[in-house]
Each structure stands twice: as structure tokens, then as C-alpha cells.
C-alpha atoms as a PDB file:
ATOM      1  CA  UNK A   1     -45.475  22.761  18.905  1.00  0.00           C
ATOM      2  CA  UNK A   2     -45.580  20.784  15.632  1.00  0.00           C
ATOM      3  CA  UNK A   3     -45.110  23.850  13.377  1.00  0.00           C
ATOM      4  CA  UNK A   4     -42.027  24.859  15.372  1.00  0.00           C
ATOM      5  CA  UNK A   5     -40.593  21.364  14.853  1.00  0.00           C
ATOM      6  CA  UNK A   6     -41.203  21.589  11.109  1.00  0.00           C
ATOM      7  CA  UNK A   7     -39.477  24.965  10.938  1.00  0.00           C
ATOM      8  CA  UNK A   8     -36.578  23.613  12.957  1.00  0.00           C
ATOM      9  CA  UNK A   9     -36.301  20.724  10.520  1.00  0.00           C
ATOM     10  CA  UNK A  10     -35.835  22.991   7.507  1.00  0.00           C
ATOM     11  CA  UNK A  11     -32.596  24.236   5.977  1.00  0.00           C
ATOM     12  CA  UNK A  12     -29.048  22.964   6.005  1.00  0.00           C
ATOM     13  CA  UNK A  13     -29.421  21.216   9.381  1.00  0.00           C
ATOM     14  CA  UNK A  14     -32.625  19.345   8.610  1.00  0.00           C
ATOM     15  CA  UNK A  15     -32.918  15.576   8.881  1.00  0.00           C
ATOM     16  CA  UNK A  16     -33.596  15.273   5.154  1.00  0.00           C
ATOM     17  CA  UNK A  17     -30.570  17.383   4.228  1.00  0.00           C
ATOM     18  CA  UNK A  18     -28.258  15.460   6.551  1.00  0.00           C
ATOM     19  CA  UNK A  19     -29.529  12.133   5.193  1.00  0.00           C
ATOM     20  CA  UNK A  20     -28.747  13.203   1.632  1.00  0.00           C
ATOM     21  CA  UNK A  21     -25.325  14.507   2.623  1.00  0.00           C
ATOM     22  CA  UNK A  22     -24.453  11.271   4.422  1.00  0.00           C
ATOM     23  CA  UNK A  23     -25.579   9.204   1.408  1.00  0.00           C
ATOM     24  CA  UNK A  24     -23.359  11.285  -0.874  1.00  0.00           C
ATOM     25  CA  UNK A  25     -20.502  10.926   1.588  1.00  0.00           C
ATOM     26  CA  UNK A  26     -20.959   7.143   1.639  1.00  0.00           C
ATOM     27  CA  UNK A  27     -20.624   7.006  -2.143  1.00  0.00           C
ATOM     28  CA  UNK A  28     -17.307   8.874  -1.867  1.00  0.00           C
ATOM     29  CA  UNK A  29     -16.373   6.716   1.124  1.00  0.00           C
ATOM     30  CA  UNK A  30     -16.904   3.506  -0.843  1.00  0.00           C
ATOM     31  CA  UNK A  31     -14.827   4.997  -3.663  1.00  0.00           C
ATOM     32  CA  UNK A  32     -11.923   5.511  -1.246  1.00  0.00           C
ATOM     33  CA  UNK A  33     -12.334   1.920  -0.046  1.00  0.00           C
ATOM     34  CA  UNK A  34     -12.136   0.735  -3.636  1.00  0.00           C
ATOM     35  CA  UNK A  35      -9.005   2.863  -4.137  1.00  0.00           C
ATOM     36  CA  UNK A  36      -7.346   1.220  -1.132  1.00  0.00           C
ATOM     37  CA  UNK A  37      -8.273  -2.273  -2.339  1.00  0.00           C
ATOM     38  CA  UNK A  38      -7.010  -1.593  -5.874  1.00  0.00           C
ATOM     39  CA  UNK A  39      -3.737  -0.143  -4.585  1.00  0.00           C
ATOM     40  CA  UNK A  40      -3.201  -3.086  -2.221  1.00  0.00           C
ATOM     41  CA  UNK A  41      -3.967  -5.721  -4.854  1.00  0.00           C
ATOM     42  CA  UNK A  42      -1.855  -3.957  -7.501  1.00  0.00           C
ATOM     43  CA  UNK A  43       1.085  -3.769  -5.081  1.00  0.00           C
ATOM     44  CA  UNK A  44       0.864  -7.466  -4.248  1.00  0.00           C
ATOM     45  CA  UNK A  45       0.615  -8.493  -7.903  1.00  0.00           C
ATOM     46  CA  UNK A  46       3.334  -6.195  -9.272  1.00  0.00           C
ATOM     47  CA  UNK A  47       5.705  -5.309  -6.435  1.00  0.00           C
ATOM     48  CA  UNK A  48       5.761  -8.047  -3.819  1.00  0.00           C
ATOM     49  CA  UNK A  49       8.124 -10.274  -5.791  1.00  0.00           C
ATOM     50  CA  UNK A  50      10.932  -8.028  -4.470  1.00  0.00           C
ATOM     51  CA  UNK A  51       9.869  -8.134  -0.804  1.00  0.00           C
ATOM     52  CA  UNK A  52      12.351 -10.947  -0.063  1.00  0.00           C
ATOM     53  CA  UNK A  53      15.177  -8.610  -1.141  1.00  0.00           C
ATOM     54  CA  UNK A  54      14.282  -5.764   1.216  1.00  0.00           C
ATOM     55  CA  UNK A  55      14.894  -7.459   4.542  1.00  0.00           C
ATOM     56  CA  UNK A  56      12.118  -5.512   6.272  1.00  0.00           C
ATOM     57  CA  UNK A  57       8.418  -6.145   6.919  1.00  0.00           C
ATOM     58  CA  UNK A  58       7.333  -2.500   6.706  1.00  0.00           C
ATOM     59  CA  UNK A  59       6.605  -2.596   2.968  1.00  0.00           C
ATOM     60  CA  UNK A  60       4.352  -5.701   3.017  1.00  0.00           C
ATOM     61  CA  UNK A  61       2.750  -4.534   6.288  1.00  0.00           C
ATOM     62  CA  UNK A  62       1.754  -1.255   4.627  1.00  0.00           C
ATOM     63  CA  UNK A  63       0.289  -3.140   1.664  1.00  0.00           C
ATOM     64  CA  UNK A  64      -1.793  -5.509   3.778  1.00  0.00           C
ATOM     65  CA  UNK A  65      -2.915  -2.563   5.893  1.00  0.00           C
ATOM     66  CA  UNK A  66      -4.270  -0.987   2.695  1.00  0.00           C
ATOM     67  CA  UNK A  67      -6.213  -4.180   1.915  1.00  0.00           C
ATOM     68  CA  UNK A  68      -7.613  -4.289   5.451  1.00  0.00           C
ATOM     69  CA  UNK A  69      -8.645  -0.616   5.294  1.00  0.00           C
ATOM     70  CA  UNK A  70     -10.401  -1.101   1.944  1.00  0.00           C
ATOM     71  CA  UNK A  71     -12.338  -4.120   3.227  1.00  0.00           C
ATOM     72  CA  UNK A  72     -13.344  -2.354   6.463  1.00  0.00           C
ATOM     73  CA  UNK A  73     -14.518   0.708   4.521  1.00  0.00           C
ATOM     74  CA  UNK A  74     -16.932  -1.412   2.444  1.00  0.00           C
ATOM     75  CA  UNK A  75     -18.597  -2.852   5.563  1.00  0.00           C
ATOM     76  CA  UNK A  76     -18.579   0.412   7.525  1.00  0.00           C
ATOM     77  CA  UNK A  77     -20.258   2.163   4.572  1.00  0.00           C
ATOM     78  CA  UNK A  78     -23.098  -0.365   4.787  1.00  0.00           C
ATOM     79  CA  UNK A  79     -23.475   0.407   8.505  1.00  0.00           C
ATOM     80  CA  UNK A  80     -23.656   4.133   7.716  1.00  0.00           C
ATOM     81  CA  UNK A  81     -26.379   3.627   5.116  1.00  0.00           C
ATOM     82  CA  UNK A  82     -28.365   1.442   7.490  1.00  0.00           C
ATOM     83  CA  UNK A  83     -28.196   4.037  10.248  1.00  0.00           C
ATOM     84  CA  UNK A  84     -29.239   6.783   7.832  1.00  0.00           C
ATOM     85  CA  UNK A  85     -32.226   4.901   6.395  1.00  0.00           C
ATOM     86  CA  UNK A  86     -33.478   3.585   9.754  1.00  0.00           C
ATOM     87  CA  UNK A  87     -32.736   6.786  11.709  1.00  0.00           C
ATOM     88  CA  UNK A  88     -30.787   4.540  14.091  1.00  0.00           C
ATOM     89  CA  UNK A  89     -28.600   6.602  16.433  1.00  0.00           C
ATOM     90  CA  UNK A  90     -26.709   3.535  17.654  1.00  0.00           C
ATOM     91  CA  UNK A  91     -25.652   2.664  14.087  1.00  0.00           C
ATOM     92  CA  UNK A  92     -24.665   6.256  13.379  1.00  0.00           C
ATOM     93  CA  UNK A  93     -22.575   6.589  16.550  1.00  0.00           C
ATOM     94  CA  UNK A  94     -20.875   3.258  15.799  1.00  0.00           C
ATOM     95  CA  UNK A  95     -20.327   4.469  12.229  1.00  0.00           C
ATOM     96  CA  UNK A  96     -18.684   7.684  13.456  1.00  0.00           C
ATOM     97  CA  UNK A  97     -16.438   5.710  15.825  1.00  0.00           C
ATOM     98  CA  UNK A  98     -15.364   3.307  13.077  1.00  0.00           C
ATOM     99  CA  UNK A  99     -14.649   6.258  10.778  1.00  0.00           C
ATOM    100  CA  UNK A 100     -12.283   7.543  13.453  1.00  0.00           C
ATOM    101  CA  UNK A 101     -10.561   4.133  13.572  1.00  0.00           C
ATOM    102  CA  UNK A 102     -10.233   4.111   9.766  1.00  0.00           C
ATOM    103  CA  UNK A 103      -8.863   7.661   9.878  1.00  0.00           C
ATOM    104  CA  UNK A 104      -6.145   6.508  12.285  1.00  0.00           C
ATOM    105  CA  UNK A 105      -5.334   3.394  10.209  1.00  0.00           C
ATOM    106  CA  UNK A 106      -5.014   5.436   7.018  1.00  0.00           C
ATOM    107  CA  UNK A 107      -2.788   7.958   8.765  1.00  0.00           C
ATOM    108  CA  UNK A 108      -0.592   5.136  10.108  1.00  0.00           C
ATOM    109  CA  UNK A 109      -0.328   3.568   6.631  1.00  0.00           C
ATOM    110  CA  UNK A 110       0.669   6.912   5.110  1.00  0.00           C
ATOM    111  CA  UNK A 111       3.224   7.710   7.819  1.00  0.00           C
ATOM    112  CA  UNK A 112       4.745   4.211   7.607  1.00  0.00           C
ATOM    113  CA  UNK A 113       5.133   4.563   3.847  1.00  0.00           C
ATOM    114  CA  UNK A 114       6.842   7.954   4.125  1.00  0.00           C
ATOM    115  CA  UNK A 115       9.101   6.820   6.992  1.00  0.00           C
ATOM    116  CA  UNK A 116      10.181   3.707   5.099  1.00  0.00           C
ATOM    117  CA  UNK A 117      10.735   5.739   1.926  1.00  0.00           C
ATOM    118  CA  UNK A 118      13.358   7.728   3.835  1.00  0.00           C
ATOM    119  CA  UNK A 119      15.148   4.584   5.069  1.00  0.00           C
ATOM    120  CA  UNK A 120      15.017   2.485   1.882  1.00  0.00           C
ATOM    121  CA  UNK A 121      18.488   3.476   0.608  1.00  0.00           C
ATOM    122  CA  UNK A 122      20.267   2.446   3.804  1.00  0.00           C
ATOM    123  CA  UNK A 123      18.339  -0.822   3.937  1.00  0.00           C
ATOM    124  CA  UNK A 124      19.030  -1.747   0.323  1.00  0.00           C
ATOM    125  CA  UNK A 125      22.726  -0.894   0.698  1.00  0.00           C
ATOM    126  CA  UNK A 126      22.894  -3.123   3.759  1.00  0.00           C
ATOM    127  CA  UNK A 127      20.748  -6.066   2.644  1.00  0.00           C
ATOM    128  CA  UNK A 128      20.739  -6.449  -1.139  1.00  0.00           C
ATOM    129  CA  UNK A 129      24.439  -7.200  -1.519  1.00  0.00           C
ATOM    130  CA  UNK A 130      24.308  -9.657   1.412  1.00  0.00           C
ATOM    131  CA  UNK A 131      21.274 -11.395  -0.109  1.00  0.00           C
ATOM    132  CA  UNK A 132      22.886 -11.730  -3.525  1.00  0.00           C
ATOM    133  CA  UNK A 133      26.202 -13.001  -2.176  1.00  0.00           C
ATOM    134  CA  UNK A 134      24.828 -15.464   0.373  1.00  0.00           C
ATOM    135  CA  UNK A 135      21.346 -16.573  -0.653  1.00  0.00           C
ATOM    136  CA  UNK A 136      21.149 -16.666  -4.453  1.00  0.00           C
ATOM    137  CA  UNK A 137      20.489 -20.186  -5.770  1.00  0.00           C
ATOM    138  CA  UNK A 138      19.815 -21.485  -2.253  1.00  0.00           C
ATOM    139  CA  UNK A 139      16.307 -20.046  -1.733  1.00  0.00           C
ATOM    140  CA  UNK A 140      13.857 -20.225  -4.626  1.00  0.00           C
ATOM    141  CA  UNK A 141      11.928 -17.060  -3.753  1.00  0.00           C
ATOM    142  CA  UNK A 142      15.129 -15.014  -3.495  1.00  0.00           C
ATOM    143  CA  UNK A 143      16.606 -16.540  -6.654  1.00  0.00           C
ATOM    144  CA  UNK A 144      13.466 -15.750  -8.647  1.00  0.00           C
ATOM    145  CA  UNK A 145      13.283 -12.217  -7.198  1.00  0.00           C
ATOM    146  CA  UNK A 146      16.918 -11.474  -8.072  1.00  0.00           C
ATOM    147  CA  UNK A 147      16.499 -12.815 -11.618  1.00  0.00           C
ATOM    148  CA  UNK A 148      13.298 -10.792 -12.131  1.00  0.00           C
ATOM    149  CA  UNK A 149      14.971  -7.674 -10.762  1.00  0.00           C
ATOM    150  CA  UNK A 150      18.005  -7.965 -13.031  1.00  0.00           C
ATOM    151  CA  UNK A 151      15.848  -8.545 -16.101  1.00  0.00           C
ATOM    152  CA  UNK A 152      13.344  -5.780 -15.332  1.00  0.00           C
ATOM    153  CA  UNK A 153      15.860  -3.086 -14.373  1.00  0.00           C
ATOM    154  CA  UNK A 154      18.569  -4.197 -16.845  1.00  0.00           C
ATOM    155  CA  UNK A 155      21.227  -4.438 -14.156  1.00  0.00           C
ATOM    156  CA  UNK A 156      23.588  -6.945 -12.548  1.00  0.00           C
ATOM    157  CA  UNK A 157      24.479  -7.394  -8.886  1.00  0.00           C
ATOM    158  CA  UNK A 158      23.775  -4.928  -6.091  1.00  0.00           C
ATOM    159  CA  UNK A 159      26.458  -2.312  -6.673  1.00  0.00           C
ATOM    160  CA  UNK A 160      27.823  -3.766  -9.925  1.00  0.00           C
ATOM    161  CA  UNK A 161      28.308  -7.076 -11.747  1.00  0.00           C
ATOM    162  CA  UNK A 162      31.500  -7.633  -9.695  1.00  0.00           C
ATOM    163  CA  UNK A 163      29.367  -8.543  -6.657  1.00  0.00           C
ATOM    164  CA  UNK A 164      28.774 -11.948  -8.228  1.00  0.00           C
ATOM    165  CA  UNK A 165      32.514 -12.769  -8.078  1.00  0.00           C
ATOM    166  CA  UNK A 166      32.151 -13.180  -4.291  1.00  0.00           C
ATOM    167  CA  UNK A 167      28.860 -15.097  -4.282  1.00  0.00           C
ATOM    168  CA  UNK A 168      28.408 -18.379  -2.444  1.00  0.00           C
ATOM    169  CA  UNK A 169      26.653 -19.673  -5.559  1.00  0.00           C
ATOM    170  CA  UNK A 170      29.825 -19.466  -7.681  1.00  0.00           C
ATOM    171  CA  UNK A 171      32.084 -20.768  -4.926  1.00  0.00           C
ATOM    172  CA  UNK A 172      29.950 -23.865  -4.237  1.00  0.00           C
ATOM    173  CA  UNK A 173      28.640 -24.663  -7.725  1.00  0.00           C
ATOM    174  CA  UNK A 174      31.860 -25.961  -9.296  1.00  0.00           C
ATOM    175  CA  UNK A 175      29.980 -27.317 -12.308  1.00  0.00           C
ATOM    176  CA  UNK A 176      28.806 -23.926 -13.536  1.00  0.00           C
ATOM    177  CA  UNK A 177      30.804 -22.122 -16.196  1.00  0.00           C
ATOM    178  CA  UNK A 178      29.010 -18.836 -15.567  1.00  0.00           C
ATOM    179  CA  UNK A 179      30.612 -15.847 -13.897  1.00  0.00           C
ATOM    180  CA  UNK A 180      27.230 -14.114 -13.484  1.00  0.00           C
ATOM    181  CA  UNK A 181      23.624 -15.387 -13.649  1.00  0.00           C
ATOM    182  CA  UNK A 182      22.026 -15.580 -17.080  1.00  0.00           C
ATOM    183  CA  UNK A 183      19.568 -12.880 -15.973  1.00  0.00           C
ATOM    184  CA  UNK A 184      22.451 -10.362 -16.149  1.00  0.00           C
ATOM    185  CA  UNK A 185      22.736 -10.845 -19.906  1.00  0.00           C
ATOM    186  CA  UNK A 186      21.632  -8.191 -22.355  1.00  0.00           C
ATOM    187  CA  UNK A 187      20.016 -11.017 -24.355  1.00  0.00           C
ATOM    188  CA  UNK A 188      19.229 -13.683 -21.709  1.00  0.00           C
ATOM    189  CA  UNK A 189      19.681 -17.298 -22.780  1.00  0.00           C
ATOM    190  CA  UNK A 190      21.017 -20.498 -21.256  1.00  0.00           C
ATOM    191  CA  UNK A 191      24.689 -20.189 -20.219  1.00  0.00           C
ATOM    192  CA  UNK A 192      24.972 -16.659 -21.581  1.00  0.00           C
ATOM    193  CA  UNK A 193      26.540 -15.585 -18.280  1.00  0.00           C
ATOM    194  CA  UNK A 194      29.901 -17.192 -19.113  1.00  0.00           C
ATOM    195  CA  UNK A 195      31.343 -13.839 -20.103  1.00  0.00           C
ATOM    196  CA  UNK A 196      31.255 -10.569 -18.163  1.00  0.00           C
ATOM    197  CA  UNK A 197      32.053  -8.518 -21.230  1.00  0.00           C
ATOM    198  CA  UNK A 198      30.140  -5.196 -21.377  1.00  0.00           C
ATOM    199  CA  UNK A 199      28.792  -6.260 -24.760  1.00  0.00           C
ATOM    200  CA  UNK A 200      27.234  -9.352 -23.120  1.00  0.00           C
ATOM    201  CA  UNK A 201      25.991  -8.294 -19.664  1.00  0.00           C
ATOM    202  CA  UNK A 202      24.803  -5.206 -17.807  1.00  0.00           C
ATOM    203  CA  UNK A 203      27.553  -3.734 -15.643  1.00  0.00           C
ATOM    204  CA  UNK A 204      25.468  -1.334 -13.549  1.00  0.00           C
ATOM    205  CA  UNK A 205      24.156  -2.524 -10.192  1.00  0.00           C
ATOM    206  CA  UNK A 206      20.489  -2.973  -9.294  1.00  0.00           C
ATOM    207  CA  UNK A 207      20.405  -1.195  -5.924  1.00  0.00           C
ATOM    208  CA  UNK A 208      19.823   2.373  -7.253  1.00  0.00           C
ATOM    209  CA  UNK A 209      17.134   1.229  -9.695  1.00  0.00           C
ATOM    210  CA  UNK A 210      15.274  -0.925  -7.182  1.00  0.00           C
ATOM    211  CA  UNK A 211      15.502   1.942  -4.672  1.00  0.00           C
ATOM    212  CA  UNK A 212      13.983   4.382  -7.176  1.00  0.00           C
ATOM    213  CA  UNK A 213      11.135   1.993  -8.043  1.00  0.00           C
ATOM    214  CA  UNK A 214      10.252   1.251  -4.402  1.00  0.00           C
ATOM    215  CA  UNK A 215      10.520   4.932  -3.420  1.00  0.00           C
ATOM    216  CA  UNK A 216       8.086   6.026  -6.123  1.00  0.00           C
ATOM    217  CA  UNK A 217       5.590   3.419  -4.990  1.00  0.00           C
ATOM    218  CA  UNK A 218       5.971   4.319  -1.313  1.00  0.00           C
ATOM    219  CA  UNK A 219       5.394   8.013  -2.088  1.00  0.00           C
ATOM    220  CA  UNK A 220       2.204   7.035  -3.937  1.00  0.00           C
ATOM    221  CA  UNK A 221       1.048   4.861  -1.024  1.00  0.00           C
ATOM    222  CA  UNK A 222       1.835   7.593   1.509  1.00  0.00           C
ATOM    223  CA  UNK A 223       0.006  10.225  -0.542  1.00  0.00           C
ATOM    224  CA  UNK A 224      -3.111   8.074  -0.851  1.00  0.00           C
ATOM    225  CA  UNK A 225      -3.077   7.114   2.833  1.00  0.00           C
ATOM    226  CA  UNK A 226      -2.623  10.633   4.190  1.00  0.00           C
ATOM    227  CA  UNK A 227      -4.755  12.300   1.515  1.00  0.00           C
ATOM    228  CA  UNK A 228      -7.826  10.090   1.792  1.00  0.00           C
ATOM    229  CA  UNK A 229      -7.788   9.953   5.582  1.00  0.00           C
ATOM    230  CA  UNK A 230      -9.086  13.553   5.552  1.00  0.00           C
ATOM    231  CA  UNK A 231     -12.338  12.314   3.961  1.00  0.00           C
ATOM    232  CA  UNK A 232     -13.279  10.523   7.194  1.00  0.00           C
ATOM    233  CA  UNK A 233     -13.323  13.783   9.158  1.00  0.00           C
ATOM    234  CA  UNK A 234     -16.344  15.008   7.178  1.00  0.00           C
ATOM    235  CA  UNK A 235     -18.120  11.672   7.662  1.00  0.00           C
ATOM    236  CA  UNK A 236     -17.616  11.837  11.421  1.00  0.00           C
ATOM    237  CA  UNK A 237     -19.073  15.358  11.530  1.00  0.00           C
ATOM    238  CA  UNK A 238     -22.101  14.491   9.362  1.00  0.00           C
ATOM    239  CA  UNK A 239     -22.826  11.251  11.259  1.00  0.00           C
ATOM    240  CA  UNK A 240     -22.664  13.001  14.644  1.00  0.00           C
ATOM    241  CA  UNK A 241     -24.899  15.844  13.414  1.00  0.00           C
ATOM    242  CA  UNK A 242     -27.471  13.401  12.062  1.00  0.00           C
ATOM    243  CA  UNK A 243     -27.419  11.333  15.280  1.00  0.00           C
ATOM    244  CA  UNK A 244     -27.956  14.509  17.322  1.00  0.00           C
ATOM    245  CA  UNK A 245     -30.758  15.631  15.013  1.00  0.00           C
ATOM    246  CA  UNK A 246     -32.497  12.253  15.311  1.00  0.00           C
ATOM    247  CA  UNK A 247     -32.287  12.497  19.114  1.00  0.00           C
ATOM    248  CA  UNK A 248     -33.799  15.999  19.103  1.00  0.00           C
ATOM    249  CA  UNK A 249     -36.535  14.878  16.708  1.00  0.00           C
ATOM    250  CA  UNK A 250     -37.524  11.955  18.926  1.00  0.00           C
ATOM    251  CA  UNK A 251     -37.474  14.086  22.067  1.00  0.00           C
ATOM    252  CA  UNK A 252     -39.713  16.679  20.420  1.00  0.00           C
ATOM    253  CA  UNK A 253     -37.334  19.658  20.370  1.00  0.00           C
END
């Protein structure tokens, strides 16, 4: 009986082979977790200053979902290694189940990113002009975001610099001599927004440029989410095979 067990434990379906494969998979798995964490952190640091201008929670929700996925992957990878080393079927089955959950979360993150990428133009057209006209200089986060946007993208207003002529900021701040914020200026400095001459300020609006920037980032997020979710399928297969092999080994098959 023992020799037959040894022969059965040779080849590509042996316990040893499956252990090695699962260890290699876990290294790749942790790498994907690191990729999700890096993408989430980079998005928060570099892109979230414009969230207040979008008027929708889909973009930040996708980012925080990436952070959650990355963190979960780190801990699930540890569970997979533990189950592999200890030949623990319970750990391996739990590992396979959690891989399925991560697969679904990654797919959701990718789909959300692609769906929002398709709706970003309509949302920006609807919300950015309203935000600039009604909220600039009344909410610090929005004021800072608008100023950063105009400086970074070298633009002024949502559709054009003329949007500022209708802003609540200009109507209520009778002391200001500006016709546009200083952040619209080609060379920003205090009170440089007194003139809307094309030699002094940017005339083009910010909506198309912000849309292009957010779209590129959403396409990247969607590609990572949907691309890396395929990795979990292999992990589920390997974990289930190893759990089955451990069961057969213990039952003497």
C-alpha cells in the first residue's frame, strides 16, 4: 500500500509540487496586493484634491476599495502560506474562499472605474460650472481644489473664463477688484486677476482637461482591477487541489 501512495504522490499533482506552486502563487499574490496599495495611495495623494469638484462618490469609493483589497490580500496571503506549510485543509479552503471574495471585489472595482469613466463628461458638465459659480470662496476644500486645478491645467473656469462673471464670489465680495481668481493668471501673483486680457489669464475652460486627466486614471484603475482579478482564479484552483490532495493523503488513498 505504501509504495502505491508514493507513486501517487509523484508528478505534477504531488503534494510537494502543489506546495511549491502555491508558494510561488503567493509571491505573485502579494505583488498584486502591493500594486493595489500603491495605486490607492498614489490616487489619494495626487488625485483626491479634485474629488470635491466631481459631485460623485464613485471615484473615491473605487480608490478606497483598492486600498481595502491590497490590505486584505496581504493577510490572505499569510493564511495561504500557513495552510500550505501546516497541510491544514481548513486554512486552504478558507484561503480559496477569500480568494473568490477578492476576485469579486477586484472585478467590482474595475467595472466601477470603467462605468464612471463613461459618465465623467456628463457629470463634469453638470457639476463643475455649478461648483465654480456657487461655492468658490465659500468652502475651503472647493476653493483650494479649483485653484489647484486652474494652475495645474492652465485653464480658467469650467467652460471658459467667462464663467467667473456669474460667480457668487464676485457678486458678494464687493471689495475685490478681480474679475477672475488669481489662479487663472498665466503668471499667478496677488491681484493679478484684475484683467481678463488673453495676455494675462488663460481663456480656455478646465472641464475638458480635468475630464481627460480623470479618464486616464480611471482607465488605469479599471485595467488593473479587471486584469489582476484573473490571478485569483489560479490560486483558487491550486488551493482546492492541494486541500483535496491533503485529504487523500490522510485517508491513505
